[in-house]
């Protein structure tokens, strides 16, 4: 069964930096196998943190929590981290989870990784707590 942990962060930019730009725990330069931005332009065009920050600024100083973090981790019996098709399945599960839980009006990042100590397939789902219309 998939393990899921949910937490919040006040520092949205740091969360994005950790998921998108840190080296892998396994020493690899790239830690992400697949990344999808939901309601976001590609990170290479405009960094995800810049895109989300525009809505965080609109929400004002009372907006304390910026990111909801969801981590989904799959056992080797569920998904094999050495099979690209299993990594793709995990990523699709993460994208569908983000869309079903948060609808179509939130900005989300889904990053699928296999870099952990246990070398398990896992998703980092980062959800802006501010909707596209600027409400929380």
N, C-alpha and C. Protein backbone atom coordinates (compact mmCIF):
# COMPACT_ATOMS: atom_id res chain seq x y z
N UNK A 1 0.84 -1.18 0.00
CA UNK A 1 0.00 0.00 0.00
C UNK A 1 0.89 1.24 0.00
N UNK A 2 0.48 2.23 -0.73
CA UNK A 2 1.21 3.49 -0.84
C UNK A 2 1.25 4.20 0.51
N UNK A 3 2.42 4.68 0.90
CA UNK A 3 2.60 5.48 2.11
C UNK A 3 2.44 6.94 1.70
N UNK A 4 1.65 7.69 2.44
CA UNK A 4 1.44 9.10 2.14
C UNK A 4 1.63 9.92 3.40
N UNK A 5 2.35 11.04 3.25
CA UNK A 5 2.54 11.97 4.36
C UNK A 5 2.17 13.36 3.84
N UNK A 6 1.46 14.13 4.65
CA UNK A 6 1.05 15.48 4.27
C UNK A 6 1.53 16.45 5.33
N UNK A 7 2.13 17.54 4.89
CA UNK A 7 2.59 18.58 5.81
C UNK A 7 2.45 19.93 5.12
N UNK A 8 2.74 20.99 5.85
CA UNK A 8 2.64 22.35 5.33
C UNK A 8 3.97 23.07 5.52
N UNK A 9 4.17 24.11 4.73
CA UNK A 9 5.37 24.92 4.88
C UNK A 9 5.04 26.39 4.67
N UNK A 10 5.66 27.21 5.49
CA UNK A 10 5.54 28.66 5.32
C UNK A 10 6.47 29.16 4.22
N UNK A 11 7.55 28.42 3.96
CA UNK A 11 8.55 28.85 2.99
C UNK A 11 8.40 28.05 1.70
N UNK A 12 7.50 28.51 0.85
CA UNK A 12 7.21 27.82 -0.40
C UNK A 12 8.40 27.75 -1.32
N UNK A 13 9.17 28.82 -1.39
CA UNK A 13 10.34 28.83 -2.28
C UNK A 13 11.36 27.79 -1.85
N UNK A 14 11.58 27.62 -0.55
CA UNK A 14 12.52 26.63 -0.05
C UNK A 14 12.05 25.21 -0.38
N UNK A 15 10.76 24.96 -0.28
CA UNK A 15 10.22 23.64 -0.62
C UNK A 15 10.46 23.34 -2.09
N UNK A 16 10.20 24.31 -2.93
CA UNK A 16 10.40 24.12 -4.37
C UNK A 16 11.88 23.90 -4.66
N UNK A 17 12.74 24.69 -4.04
CA UNK A 17 14.19 24.54 -4.23
C UNK A 17 14.64 23.13 -3.83
N UNK A 18 14.15 22.65 -2.70
CA UNK A 18 14.53 21.32 -2.22
C UNK A 18 14.15 20.24 -3.23
N UNK A 19 12.93 20.30 -3.73
CA UNK A 19 12.45 19.26 -4.65
C UNK A 19 13.07 19.40 -6.04
N UNK A 20 13.21 20.62 -6.51
CA UNK A 20 13.60 20.83 -7.91
C UNK A 20 15.11 20.95 -8.12
N UNK A 21 15.86 21.45 -7.14
CA UNK A 21 17.22 21.85 -7.44
C UNK A 21 18.31 21.24 -6.55
N UNK A 22 17.94 20.43 -5.60
CA UNK A 22 18.95 19.76 -4.76
C UNK A 22 19.44 18.51 -5.47
N UNK A 23 20.68 18.11 -5.17
CA UNK A 23 21.20 16.85 -5.69
C UNK A 23 20.42 15.69 -5.08
N UNK A 24 20.42 14.58 -5.79
CA UNK A 24 19.73 13.40 -5.29
C UNK A 24 20.41 12.83 -4.07
N UNK A 25 19.63 12.16 -3.22
CA UNK A 25 20.17 11.52 -2.03
C UNK A 25 21.12 10.38 -2.39
N UNK A 26 21.03 9.90 -3.63
CA UNK A 26 21.89 8.82 -4.09
C UNK A 26 23.14 9.34 -4.78
N UNK A 27 23.39 10.65 -4.67
CA UNK A 27 24.58 11.26 -5.27
C UNK A 27 24.39 11.72 -6.70
N UNK A 28 23.26 11.41 -7.30
CA UNK A 28 23.00 11.82 -8.69
C UNK A 28 22.79 13.32 -8.78
N UNK A 29 23.21 13.91 -9.87
CA UNK A 29 23.01 15.34 -10.10
C UNK A 29 21.52 15.67 -10.19
N UNK A 30 20.79 14.87 -10.96
CA UNK A 30 19.35 15.09 -11.14
C UNK A 30 18.60 14.14 -10.22
N UNK A 31 17.72 14.69 -9.43
CA UNK A 31 16.98 13.82 -8.51
C UNK A 31 15.60 13.47 -9.02
N UNK A 32 15.09 14.23 -9.98
CA UNK A 32 13.74 13.99 -10.48
C UNK A 32 13.77 13.16 -11.75
N UNK A 33 12.91 12.16 -11.79
CA UNK A 33 12.75 11.34 -12.99
C UNK A 33 11.78 12.03 -13.95
N UNK A 34 10.66 12.52 -13.40
CA UNK A 34 9.61 13.19 -14.18
C UNK A 34 9.07 14.33 -13.33
N UNK A 35 8.83 15.49 -13.96
CA UNK A 35 8.24 16.63 -13.27
C UNK A 35 7.10 17.17 -14.13
N UNK A 36 5.97 17.45 -13.48
CA UNK A 36 4.83 18.08 -14.14
C UNK A 36 4.40 19.28 -13.31
N UNK A 37 4.21 20.40 -13.98
CA UNK A 37 3.61 21.57 -13.34
C UNK A 37 2.16 21.65 -13.76
N UNK A 38 1.27 21.72 -12.81
CA UNK A 38 -0.16 21.85 -13.09
C UNK A 38 -0.53 23.32 -12.94
N UNK A 39 -1.09 23.89 -13.98
CA UNK A 39 -1.40 25.31 -14.05
C UNK A 39 -0.13 26.16 -13.93
N UNK A 40 0.96 25.64 -14.47
CA UNK A 40 2.24 26.32 -14.46
C UNK A 40 2.92 26.17 -15.83
N UNK A 41 3.62 27.20 -16.25
CA UNK A 41 4.48 27.08 -17.41
C UNK A 41 5.67 26.22 -17.02
N UNK A 42 6.39 25.66 -17.98
CA UNK A 42 7.58 24.87 -17.61
C UNK A 42 8.56 25.68 -16.77
N UNK A 43 9.19 25.02 -15.80
CA UNK A 43 10.14 25.65 -14.90
C UNK A 43 11.29 26.32 -15.66
N UNK A 44 11.67 25.75 -16.78
CA UNK A 44 12.77 26.31 -17.58
C UNK A 44 12.38 27.64 -18.23
N UNK A 45 11.09 27.87 -18.43
CA UNK A 45 10.61 29.11 -19.03
C UNK A 45 10.51 30.20 -17.97
N UNK A 46 9.75 29.92 -16.94
CA UNK A 46 9.63 30.80 -15.76
C UNK A 46 9.68 29.87 -14.55
N UNK A 47 10.64 30.07 -13.65
CA UNK A 47 10.75 29.17 -12.49
C UNK A 47 9.42 29.02 -11.75
N UNK A 48 9.13 27.78 -11.34
CA UNK A 48 7.88 27.52 -10.62
C UNK A 48 7.72 28.44 -9.43
N UNK A 49 8.80 28.70 -8.71
CA UNK A 49 8.70 29.54 -7.51
C UNK A 49 8.27 30.96 -7.85
N UNK A 50 8.72 31.47 -8.97
CA UNK A 50 8.32 32.82 -9.42
C UNK A 50 6.83 32.83 -9.77
N UNK A 51 6.39 31.79 -10.46
CA UNK A 51 4.98 31.72 -10.85
C UNK A 51 4.06 31.63 -9.64
N UNK A 52 4.42 30.80 -8.66
CA UNK A 52 3.59 30.66 -7.46
C UNK A 52 3.66 31.91 -6.60
N UNK A 53 4.82 32.55 -6.55
CA UNK A 53 5.01 33.72 -5.70
C UNK A 53 4.05 34.85 -6.08
N UNK A 54 3.73 34.97 -7.35
CA UNK A 54 2.79 36.03 -7.77
C UNK A 54 1.47 35.90 -7.04
N UNK A 55 0.97 34.68 -6.89
CA UNK A 55 -0.30 34.48 -6.18
C UNK A 55 -0.13 34.59 -4.68
N UNK A 56 1.04 34.17 -4.15
CA UNK A 56 1.27 34.33 -2.72
C UNK A 56 1.28 35.81 -2.34
N UNK A 57 1.89 36.64 -3.19
CA UNK A 57 1.93 38.09 -2.92
C UNK A 57 0.52 38.67 -2.95
N UNK A 58 -0.29 38.24 -3.92
CA UNK A 58 -1.67 38.71 -4.00
C UNK A 58 -2.46 38.37 -2.74
N UNK A 59 -2.17 37.21 -2.14
CA UNK A 59 -2.91 36.78 -0.95
C UNK A 59 -2.56 37.61 0.27
N UNK A 60 -1.42 38.29 0.26
CA UNK A 60 -1.06 39.20 1.34
C UNK A 60 -0.31 38.55 2.48
N UNK A 61 0.01 39.38 3.47
CA UNK A 61 0.85 38.96 4.59
C UNK A 61 0.15 38.01 5.55
N UNK A 62 -1.16 37.94 5.50
CA UNK A 62 -1.87 37.01 6.38
C UNK A 62 -1.78 35.57 5.87
N UNK A 63 -1.28 35.41 4.68
CA UNK A 63 -1.09 34.07 4.10
C UNK A 63 0.18 33.46 4.69
N UNK A 64 0.05 32.70 5.75
CA UNK A 64 1.22 32.17 6.47
C UNK A 64 1.74 30.88 5.84
N UNK A 65 0.87 29.95 5.52
CA UNK A 65 1.28 28.69 4.89
C UNK A 65 1.25 28.90 3.38
N UNK A 66 2.35 28.57 2.73
CA UNK A 66 2.42 28.78 1.28
C UNK A 66 2.25 27.49 0.50
N UNK A 67 2.75 26.38 1.04
CA UNK A 67 2.77 25.11 0.32
C UNK A 67 2.21 23.99 1.19
N UNK A 68 1.38 23.17 0.58
CA UNK A 68 0.98 21.90 1.17
C UNK A 68 1.87 20.86 0.48
N UNK A 69 2.57 20.05 1.29
CA UNK A 69 3.47 19.03 0.75
C UNK A 69 2.86 17.65 0.95
N UNK A 70 2.82 16.89 -0.12
CA UNK A 70 2.35 15.52 -0.05
C UNK A 70 3.49 14.64 -0.57
N UNK A 71 3.82 13.63 0.19
CA UNK A 71 4.79 12.65 -0.28
C UNK A 71 4.08 11.30 -0.39
N UNK A 72 4.14 10.73 -1.57
CA UNK A 72 3.59 9.39 -1.82
C UNK A 72 4.77 8.48 -2.10
N UNK A 73 4.88 7.39 -1.36
CA UNK A 73 5.98 6.45 -1.57
C UNK A 73 5.40 5.06 -1.81
N UNK A 74 5.96 4.36 -2.78
CA UNK A 74 5.45 3.06 -3.18
C UNK A 74 6.48 1.97 -2.87
N UNK A 75 6.00 0.85 -2.35
CA UNK A 75 6.90 -0.27 -2.05
C UNK A 75 7.38 -0.90 -3.36
N UNK A 76 8.44 -1.68 -3.26
CA UNK A 76 8.96 -2.40 -4.44
C UNK A 76 7.96 -3.42 -4.97
N UNK A 77 7.09 -3.92 -4.10
CA UNK A 77 6.06 -4.86 -4.55
C UNK A 77 5.01 -4.15 -5.40
N UNK A 78 4.84 -2.85 -5.18
CA UNK A 78 3.87 -2.08 -5.97
C UNK A 78 4.48 -1.57 -7.27
N UNK A 79 5.61 -0.90 -7.16
CA UNK A 79 6.26 -0.29 -8.32
C UNK A 79 7.77 -0.46 -8.21
N UNK A 80 8.37 -0.90 -9.29
CA UNK A 80 9.81 -1.16 -9.34
C UNK A 80 10.54 0.11 -9.81
N UNK A 81 11.42 0.68 -8.97
CA UNK A 81 12.10 1.92 -9.35
C UNK A 81 13.05 1.76 -10.54
N UNK A 82 13.37 0.55 -10.90
CA UNK A 82 14.26 0.31 -12.03
C UNK A 82 13.52 0.14 -13.35
N UNK A 83 12.20 0.19 -13.31
CA UNK A 83 11.40 0.06 -14.53
C UNK A 83 10.80 1.43 -14.87
N UNK A 84 11.21 2.01 -16.00
CA UNK A 84 10.67 3.33 -16.38
C UNK A 84 9.14 3.36 -16.45
N UNK A 85 8.53 2.27 -16.86
CA UNK A 85 7.06 2.26 -16.94
C UNK A 85 6.43 2.36 -15.55
N UNK A 86 7.07 1.78 -14.52
CA UNK A 86 6.55 1.89 -13.16
C UNK A 86 6.74 3.31 -12.62
N UNK A 87 7.86 3.94 -12.97
CA UNK A 87 8.08 5.33 -12.57
C UNK A 87 7.00 6.22 -13.20
N UNK A 88 6.68 5.95 -14.46
CA UNK A 88 5.64 6.72 -15.15
C UNK A 88 4.26 6.50 -14.50
N UNK A 89 3.99 5.28 -14.06
CA UNK A 89 2.72 5.01 -13.37
C UNK A 89 2.65 5.79 -12.07
N UNK A 90 3.74 5.80 -11.31
CA UNK A 90 3.77 6.56 -10.06
C UNK A 90 3.51 8.04 -10.33
N UNK A 91 4.12 8.55 -11.38
CA UNK A 91 3.94 9.97 -11.70
C UNK A 91 2.48 10.26 -12.06
N UNK A 92 1.88 9.40 -12.84
CA UNK A 92 0.47 9.58 -13.20
C UNK A 92 -0.41 9.55 -11.96
N UNK A 93 -0.10 8.67 -11.01
CA UNK A 93 -0.86 8.62 -9.75
C UNK A 93 -0.72 9.96 -9.02
N UNK A 94 0.49 10.51 -8.99
CA UNK A 94 0.72 11.80 -8.33
C UNK A 94 -0.05 12.94 -9.00
N UNK A 95 -0.03 12.98 -10.32
CA UNK A 95 -0.75 14.03 -11.05
C UNK A 95 -2.25 13.91 -10.80
N UNK A 96 -2.76 12.69 -10.87
CA UNK A 96 -4.20 12.49 -10.64
C UNK A 96 -4.58 12.84 -9.20
N UNK A 97 -3.72 12.49 -8.24
CA UNK A 97 -3.98 12.84 -6.84
C UNK A 97 -4.08 14.35 -6.68
N UNK A 98 -3.13 15.08 -7.25
CA UNK A 98 -3.14 16.54 -7.14
C UNK A 98 -4.40 17.13 -7.75
N UNK A 99 -4.76 16.66 -8.92
CA UNK A 99 -5.94 17.20 -9.61
C UNK A 99 -7.23 16.86 -8.88
N UNK A 100 -7.33 15.63 -8.37
CA UNK A 100 -8.56 15.23 -7.68
C UNK A 100 -8.71 15.90 -6.32
N UNK A 101 -7.60 16.08 -5.61
CA UNK A 101 -7.69 16.70 -4.28
C UNK A 101 -7.84 18.22 -4.35
N UNK A 102 -7.19 18.84 -5.33
CA UNK A 102 -7.12 20.29 -5.34
C UNK A 102 -7.80 20.94 -6.53
N UNK A 103 -8.43 20.17 -7.39
CA UNK A 103 -9.18 20.73 -8.50
C UNK A 103 -8.28 21.34 -9.56
N UNK A 104 -8.90 22.08 -10.42
CA UNK A 104 -8.18 22.66 -11.56
C UNK A 104 -7.76 24.10 -11.31
N UNK A 105 -8.01 24.63 -10.11
CA UNK A 105 -7.72 26.05 -9.89
C UNK A 105 -6.52 26.29 -8.97
N UNK A 106 -5.70 25.26 -8.75
CA UNK A 106 -4.49 25.41 -7.93
C UNK A 106 -3.25 25.13 -8.77
N UNK A 107 -2.16 25.75 -8.37
CA UNK A 107 -0.87 25.45 -8.98
C UNK A 107 -0.22 24.33 -8.18
N UNK A 108 0.24 23.31 -8.88
CA UNK A 108 0.86 22.16 -8.23
C UNK A 108 2.11 21.75 -9.01
N UNK A 109 3.05 21.17 -8.29
CA UNK A 109 4.23 20.55 -8.88
C UNK A 109 4.22 19.10 -8.44
N UNK A 110 4.36 18.20 -9.40
CA UNK A 110 4.48 16.78 -9.09
C UNK A 110 5.85 16.34 -9.59
N UNK A 111 6.71 15.91 -8.67
CA UNK A 111 8.06 15.45 -9.01
C UNK A 111 8.20 14.01 -8.55
N UNK A 112 8.50 13.13 -9.49
CA UNK A 112 8.65 11.71 -9.19
C UNK A 112 10.14 11.39 -9.12
N UNK A 113 10.51 10.72 -8.03
CA UNK A 113 11.92 10.46 -7.75
C UNK A 113 12.16 9.01 -7.36
N UNK A 114 13.41 8.57 -7.49
CA UNK A 114 13.83 7.24 -7.03
C UNK A 114 15.14 7.36 -6.25
N UNK A 115 15.44 8.55 -5.74
CA UNK A 115 16.76 8.84 -5.18
C UNK A 115 16.90 8.58 -3.69
N UNK A 116 15.87 8.15 -3.02
CA UNK A 116 15.92 7.98 -1.57
C UNK A 116 16.82 6.84 -1.13
N UNK A 117 17.08 6.78 0.17
CA UNK A 117 17.94 5.73 0.74
C UNK A 117 17.42 4.34 0.38
N UNK A 118 16.12 4.17 0.39
CA UNK A 118 15.54 2.86 0.06
C UNK A 118 15.36 2.64 -1.42
N UNK A 119 15.70 3.64 -2.22
CA UNK A 119 15.56 3.58 -3.68
C UNK A 119 14.14 3.18 -4.08
N UNK A 120 13.15 3.79 -3.41
CA UNK A 120 11.75 3.55 -3.74
C UNK A 120 11.23 4.66 -4.63
N UNK A 121 10.27 4.33 -5.47
CA UNK A 121 9.60 5.33 -6.28
C UNK A 121 8.74 6.17 -5.35
N UNK A 122 8.88 7.49 -5.44
CA UNK A 122 8.04 8.36 -4.61
C UNK A 122 7.78 9.67 -5.33
N UNK A 123 6.66 10.28 -4.98
CA UNK A 123 6.26 11.58 -5.52
C UNK A 123 6.36 12.63 -4.44
N UNK A 124 6.82 13.80 -4.84
CA UNK A 124 6.68 15.01 -4.04
C UNK A 124 5.63 15.83 -4.76
N UNK A 125 4.53 16.10 -4.08
CA UNK A 125 3.47 16.93 -4.65
C UNK A 125 3.44 18.21 -3.84
N UNK A 126 3.72 19.32 -4.49
CA UNK A 126 3.71 20.63 -3.83
C UNK A 126 2.52 21.40 -4.36
N UNK A 127 1.67 21.83 -3.45
CA UNK A 127 0.43 22.51 -3.82
C UNK A 127 0.43 23.92 -3.22
N UNK A 128 0.30 24.91 -4.06
CA UNK A 128 0.17 26.28 -3.55
C UNK A 128 -1.15 26.38 -2.79
N UNK A 129 -1.11 27.04 -1.64
CA UNK A 129 -2.34 27.17 -0.87
C UNK A 129 -3.22 28.31 -1.37
N UNK A 130 -2.78 28.99 -2.42
CA UNK A 130 -3.55 30.10 -2.98
C UNK A 130 -4.04 29.67 -4.36
N UNK A 131 -5.34 29.79 -4.58
CA UNK A 131 -5.89 29.43 -5.88
C UNK A 131 -5.52 30.47 -6.93
N UNK A 132 -5.77 30.14 -8.18
CA UNK A 132 -5.40 31.04 -9.27
C UNK A 132 -6.12 32.38 -9.21
N UNK A 133 -7.28 32.41 -8.56
CA UNK A 133 -7.99 33.69 -8.45
C UNK A 133 -7.54 34.51 -7.23
N UNK A 134 -6.50 34.00 -6.50
CA UNK A 134 -5.93 34.75 -5.39
C UNK A 134 -6.55 34.48 -4.04
N UNK A 135 -7.47 33.52 -3.96
CA UNK A 135 -8.05 33.18 -2.66
C UNK A 135 -7.31 32.00 -2.07
N UNK A 136 -7.45 31.81 -0.79
CA UNK A 136 -6.72 30.73 -0.11
C UNK A 136 -7.52 29.52 0.16
